Amino acid sequence: MLVQSQSVASLTSSATSTSTFRANTRFLASGTQEMELHLVHTSINVTPQRTTVIAVRFTLEEADDTNSFLAQFFPQLPPVTQPVTTRTTIRIQLPFKEIKGAYYRYNGSLTTPPCTEGVNWAVIAKLATFSPAQFNQLRAAIPVDNARPLQNVNGRPVTFFAL
């Protein structure tokens, strides 16, 4: 199920980082996936301000294996009934087993309005999994579609790094 509007449930993990759940906004050689988590990091006390997004892509696992990293977010997701960004401060445990390894790197833009350019993206190559129950929890919190349409590369290089 792809999500297609501009609603976003966002959780602030520190003064300079935001975690945003969105449906797939990227298409790589492995194809599309059901969900993407954006860990948005913005510099402070630096001019010009810099933004880096780490994108963790998720695919639905038919087995009912709960993803423990995602499980820490769901109890704190407020329902979103209209296009808005909701922020809640939480402490998260990063999924190092999920985010280490190969990744794609490119310069792009934010996926939410005003879609600011000059964003450094790192898209984790390996798909993480989440359970049907977690999909249903996320859908209950974000019942409207929120994926940005696929964007053209426009000549920008996309580099693959294998670690």
C-alpha atoms as a PDB file:
ATOM      1  CA  MET A   1       0.000   0.000   0.000  1.00  0.00           C
ATOM      2  CA  LEU A   2       1.564   3.296  -1.020  1.00  0.00           C
ATOM      3  CA  VAL A   3       0.848   6.457   0.843  1.00  0.00           C
ATOM      4  CA  GLN A   4       0.381   9.532  -1.380  1.00  0.00           C
ATOM      5  CA  SER A   5      -0.389  12.847   0.442  1.00  0.00           C
ATOM      6  CA  GLN A   6       1.598  15.359   2.462  1.00  0.00           C
ATOM      7  CA  SER A   7       0.739  14.246   6.026  1.00  0.00           C
ATOM      8  CA  VAL A   8       3.701  13.295   8.135  1.00  0.00           C
ATOM      9  CA  ALA A   9       4.060  11.931  11.652  1.00  0.00           C
ATOM     10  CA  SER A  10       7.340  13.261  12.937  1.00  0.00           C
ATOM     11  CA  LEU A  11       9.171  12.528  16.169  1.00  0.00           C
ATOM     12  CA  THR A  12      11.999  14.763  17.343  1.00  0.00           C
ATOM     13  CA  SER A  13      14.835  12.688  18.767  1.00  0.00           C
ATOM     14  CA  SER A  14      17.015  15.623  19.864  1.00  0.00           C
ATOM     15  CA  ALA A  15      17.340  19.341  19.315  1.00  0.00           C
ATOM     16  CA  THR A  16      18.839  18.679  15.917  1.00  0.00           C
ATOM     17  CA  SER A  17      17.304  15.422  14.688  1.00  0.00           C
ATOM     18  CA  THR A  18      13.867  14.422  13.477  1.00  0.00           C
ATOM     19  CA  SER A  19      12.556  10.979  12.608  1.00  0.00           C
ATOM     20  CA  THR A  20       9.816  10.911  10.009  1.00  0.00           C
ATOM     21  CA  PHE A  21       7.797   7.934   8.834  1.00  0.00           C
ATOM     22  CA  ARG A  22       6.812   8.161   5.182  1.00  0.00           C
ATOM     23  CA  ALA A  23       5.805   5.761   2.534  1.00  0.00           C
ATOM     24  CA  ASN A  24       8.348   4.989  -0.148  1.00  0.00           C
ATOM     25  CA  THR A  25       9.743   8.055  -1.921  1.00  0.00           C
ATOM     26  CA  ARG A  26      12.641   6.350  -3.637  1.00  0.00           C
ATOM     27  CA  PHE A  27      13.059   3.703  -6.278  1.00  0.00           C
ATOM     28  CA  LEU A  28      16.370   1.873  -6.312  1.00  0.00           C
ATOM     29  CA  ALA A  29      17.500  -1.235  -8.164  1.00  0.00           C
ATOM     30  CA  SER A  30      15.817  -3.328  -5.474  1.00  0.00           C
ATOM     31  CA  GLY A  31      12.479  -1.706  -6.304  1.00  0.00           C
ATOM     32  CA  THR A  32      10.079   0.099  -4.038  1.00  0.00           C
ATOM     33  CA  GLN A  33       9.186  -0.776  -0.481  1.00  0.00           C
ATOM     34  CA  GLU A  34       6.243  -0.166   1.830  1.00  0.00           C
ATOM     35  CA  MET A  35       7.791   2.388   4.175  1.00  0.00           C
ATOM     36  CA  GLU A  36      10.800   4.577   4.701  1.00  0.00           C
ATOM     37  CA  LEU A  37      12.027   6.134   7.939  1.00  0.00           C
ATOM     38  CA  HIS A  38      13.902   9.416   7.582  1.00  0.00           C
ATOM     39  CA  LEU A  39      16.354  10.357  10.315  1.00  0.00           C
ATOM     40  CA  VAL A  40      16.808  14.066   9.576  1.00  0.00           C
ATOM     41  CA  HIS A  41      19.873  15.737  11.077  1.00  0.00           C
ATOM     42  CA  THR A  42      20.273  19.519  10.887  1.00  0.00           C
ATOM     43  CA  SER A  43      23.432  21.332  11.947  1.00  0.00           C
ATOM     44  CA  ILE A  44      23.261  24.058  14.548  1.00  0.00           C
ATOM     45  CA  ASN A  45      25.663  26.958  15.002  1.00  0.00           C
ATOM     46  CA  VAL A  46      26.910  26.475  11.444  1.00  0.00           C
ATOM     47  CA  THR A  47      26.320  28.870   8.571  1.00  0.00           C
ATOM     48  CA  PRO A  48      25.005  27.874   6.157  1.00  0.00           C
ATOM     49  CA  GLN A  49      22.898  25.311   7.974  1.00  0.00           C
ATOM     50  CA  ARG A  50      23.416  21.764   6.664  1.00  0.00           C
ATOM     51  CA  THR A  51      20.936  18.907   6.567  1.00  0.00           C
ATOM     52  CA  THR A  52      21.648  15.193   6.230  1.00  0.00           C
ATOM     53  CA  VAL A  53      18.958  12.528   5.982  1.00  0.00           C
ATOM     54  CA  ILE A  54      19.556   8.851   6.686  1.00  0.00           C
ATOM     55  CA  ALA A  55      16.790   6.853   5.017  1.00  0.00           C
ATOM     56  CA  VAL A  56      16.007   3.368   6.316  1.00  0.00           C
ATOM     57  CA  ARG A  57      13.735   1.482   3.913  1.00  0.00           C
ATOM     58  CA  PHE A  58      11.295  -1.152   5.166  1.00  0.00           C
ATOM     59  CA  THR A  59       9.486  -4.002   3.512  1.00  0.00           C
ATOM     60  CA  LEU A  60       6.542  -5.891   4.965  1.00  0.00           C
ATOM     61  CA  GLU A  61       7.519  -9.273   6.423  1.00  0.00           C
ATOM     62  CA  GLU A  62       4.632 -11.729   6.360  1.00  0.00           C
ATOM     63  CA  ALA A  63       5.924 -13.453   9.484  1.00  0.00           C
ATOM     64  CA  ASP A  64       4.815 -11.643  12.611  1.00  0.00           C
ATOM     65  CA  ASP A  65       8.348 -10.624  13.621  1.00  0.00           C
ATOM     66  CA  THR A  66       8.109  -7.284  15.378  1.00  0.00           C
ATOM     67  CA  ASN A  67      10.865  -4.815  14.499  1.00  0.00           C
ATOM     68  CA  SER A  68      12.106  -3.689  17.929  1.00  0.00           C
ATOM     69  CA  PHE A  69      13.466  -0.409  16.572  1.00  0.00           C
ATOM     70  CA  LEU A  70      10.070   0.598  15.170  1.00  0.00           C
ATOM     71  CA  ALA A  71       8.276  -0.679  18.269  1.00  0.00           C
ATOM     72  CA  GLN A  72       9.743   2.168  20.332  1.00  0.00           C
ATOM     73  CA  PHE A  73       8.007   4.767  18.124  1.00  0.00           C
ATOM     74  CA  PHE A  74       4.496   3.379  17.818  1.00  0.00           C
ATOM     75  CA  PRO A  75       3.224   4.019  21.360  1.00  0.00           C
ATOM     76  CA  GLN A  76       4.117   7.689  20.857  1.00  0.00           C
ATOM     77  CA  LEU A  77       2.561   8.233  17.430  1.00  0.00           C
ATOM     78  CA  PRO A  78      -0.452  10.526  17.640  1.00  0.00           C
ATOM     79  CA  PRO A  79      -3.233  10.004  15.095  1.00  0.00           C
ATOM     80  CA  VAL A  80      -2.920  12.277  12.078  1.00  0.00           C
ATOM     81  CA  THR A  81      -6.280  13.216  10.616  1.00  0.00           C
ATOM     82  CA  GLN A  82      -5.199  16.111   8.425  1.00  0.00           C
ATOM     83  CA  PRO A  83      -1.977  17.234   6.699  1.00  0.00           C
ATOM     84  CA  VAL A  84       0.226  18.423   9.601  1.00  0.00           C
ATOM     85  CA  THR A  85       3.601  17.746  11.131  1.00  0.00           C
ATOM     86  CA  THR A  86       3.427  16.549  14.730  1.00  0.00           C
ATOM     87  CA  ARG A  87       6.557  16.602  16.882  1.00  0.00           C
ATOM     88  CA  THR A  88       7.116  14.674  20.082  1.00  0.00           C
ATOM     89  CA  THR A  89      10.436  14.494  21.915  1.00  0.00           C
ATOM     90  CA  ILE A  90      11.593  10.941  22.633  1.00  0.00           C
ATOM     91  CA  ARG A  91      14.835   9.085  23.252  1.00  0.00           C
ATOM     92  CA  ILE A  92      15.516   6.457  20.605  1.00  0.00           C
ATOM     93  CA  GLN A  93      17.889   3.546  20.366  1.00  0.00           C
ATOM     94  CA  LEU A  94      19.451   3.537  16.899  1.00  0.00           C
ATOM     95  CA  PRO A  95      19.202   0.268  14.962  1.00  0.00           C
ATOM     96  CA  PHE A  96      22.883  -0.203  14.173  1.00  0.00           C
ATOM     97  CA  LYS A  97      22.249  -3.675  12.782  1.00  0.00           C
ATOM     98  CA  GLU A  98      19.723  -2.064  10.422  1.00  0.00           C
ATOM     99  CA  ILE A  99      21.757   0.949   9.311  1.00  0.00           C
ATOM    100  CA  LYS A 100      25.313  -0.327   9.020  1.00  0.00           C
ATOM    101  CA  GLY A 101      26.588  -1.597   5.717  1.00  0.00           C
ATOM    102  CA  ALA A 102      26.143  -0.503   2.118  1.00  0.00           C
ATOM    103  CA  TYR A 103      24.333   2.707   1.265  1.00  0.00           C
ATOM    104  CA  TYR A 104      23.536   5.095  -1.571  1.00  0.00           C
ATOM    105  CA  ARG A 105      24.606   8.731  -1.328  1.00  0.00           C
ATOM    106  CA  TYR A 106      23.338  11.729  -3.277  1.00  0.00           C
ATOM    107  CA  ASN A 107      22.415  15.395  -2.913  1.00  0.00           C
ATOM    108  CA  GLY A 108      18.709  16.082  -3.109  1.00  0.00           C
ATOM    109  CA  SER A 109      15.920  17.847  -1.273  1.00  0.00           C
ATOM    110  CA  LEU A 110      13.634  17.363   1.684  1.00  0.00           C
ATOM    111  CA  THR A 111      10.525  15.304   0.932  1.00  0.00           C
ATOM    112  CA  THR A 112       8.151  17.687   2.704  1.00  0.00           C
ATOM    113  CA  PRO A 113       7.232  21.246   1.698  1.00  0.00           C
ATOM    114  CA  PRO A 114       9.000  23.464   0.927  1.00  0.00           C
ATOM    115  CA  CYS A 115      11.217  20.579  -0.365  1.00  0.00           C
ATOM    116  CA  THR A 116      14.404  22.485   0.440  1.00  0.00           C
ATOM    117  CA  GLU A 117      17.357  21.639  -1.838  1.00  0.00           C
ATOM    118  CA  GLY A 118      20.938  20.980  -0.749  1.00  0.00           C
ATOM    119  CA  VAL A 119      20.181  17.987   1.470  1.00  0.00           C
ATOM    120  CA  ASN A 120      22.766  15.194   1.783  1.00  0.00           C
ATOM    121  CA  TRP A 121      21.027  11.809   1.558  1.00  0.00           C
ATOM    122  CA  ALA A 122      22.316   8.421   2.701  1.00  0.00           C
ATOM    123  CA  VAL A 123      19.881   5.636   1.788  1.00  0.00           C
ATOM    124  CA  ILE A 124      20.618   2.336   3.512  1.00  0.00           C
ATOM    125  CA  ALA A 125      20.813  -0.362   0.827  1.00  0.00           C
ATOM    126  CA  LYS A 126      19.552  -3.266   2.919  1.00  0.00           C
ATOM    127  CA  LEU A 127      15.803  -3.369   3.444  1.00  0.00           C
ATOM    128  CA  ALA A 128      14.688  -3.661   7.056  1.00  0.00           C
ATOM    129  CA  THR A 129      11.473  -5.531   7.801  1.00  0.00           C
ATOM    130  CA  PHE A 130       8.378  -4.781   9.816  1.00  0.00           C
ATOM    131  CA  SER A 131       5.375  -6.900  10.718  1.00  0.00           C
ATOM    132  CA  PRO A 132       1.768  -6.695   9.480  1.00  0.00           C
ATOM    133  CA  ALA A 133       0.763  -5.645  13.019  1.00  0.00           C
ATOM    134  CA  GLN A 134       3.263  -2.770  12.882  1.00  0.00           C
ATOM    135  CA  PHE A 135       2.001  -1.784   9.442  1.00  0.00           C
ATOM    136  CA  ASN A 136      -1.527  -1.616  10.881  1.00  0.00           C
ATOM    137  CA  GLN A 137      -0.331   0.493  13.833  1.00  0.00           C
ATOM    138  CA  LEU A 138       1.380   2.931  11.493  1.00  0.00           C
ATOM    139  CA  ARG A 139      -1.660   3.076   9.218  1.00  0.00           C
ATOM    140  CA  ALA A 140      -3.874   3.827  12.245  1.00  0.00           C
ATOM    141  CA  ALA A 141      -1.601   6.733  13.206  1.00  0.00           C
ATOM    142  CA  ILE A 142      -1.226   7.979   9.617  1.00  0.00           C
ATOM    143  CA  PRO A 143      -4.441   7.011   7.818  1.00  0.00           C
ATOM    144  CA  VAL A 144      -3.827   9.341   4.874  1.00  0.00           C
ATOM    145  CA  ASP A 145      -1.312   8.892   2.073  1.00  0.00           C
ATOM    146  CA  ASN A 146       1.948  10.827   2.343  1.00  0.00           C
ATOM    147  CA  ALA A 147       4.517   9.743  -0.246  1.00  0.00           C
ATOM    148  CA  ARG A 148       6.139  12.384  -2.385  1.00  0.00           C
ATOM    149  CA  PRO A 149       6.014  11.429  -6.070  1.00  0.00           C
ATOM    150  CA  LEU A 150       9.191   9.890  -7.458  1.00  0.00           C
ATOM    151  CA  GLN A 151      11.602  12.659  -8.484  1.00  0.00           C
ATOM    152  CA  ASN A 152      13.913  12.749 -11.501  1.00  0.00           C
ATOM    153  CA  VAL A 153      17.635  12.394 -10.830  1.00  0.00           C
ATOM    154  CA  ASN A 154      18.253  15.468 -13.043  1.00  0.00           C
ATOM    155  CA  GLY A 155      21.877  14.546 -13.686  1.00  0.00           C
ATOM    156  CA  ARG A 156      22.809  14.293 -10.009  1.00  0.00           C
ATOM    157  CA  PRO A 157      25.241  11.466  -9.275  1.00  0.00           C
ATOM    158  CA  VAL A 158      24.033   8.660  -7.009  1.00  0.00           C
ATOM    159  CA  THR A 159      27.018   6.865  -5.493  1.00  0.00           C
ATOM    160  CA  PHE A 160      26.922   3.374  -3.993  1.00  0.00           C
ATOM    161  CA  PHE A 161      29.193   2.685  -1.006  1.00  0.00           C
ATOM    162  CA  ALA A 162      29.783  -0.931   0.068  1.00  0.00           C
ATOM    163  CA  LEU A 163      31.163  -1.173   3.586  1.00  0.00           C
END
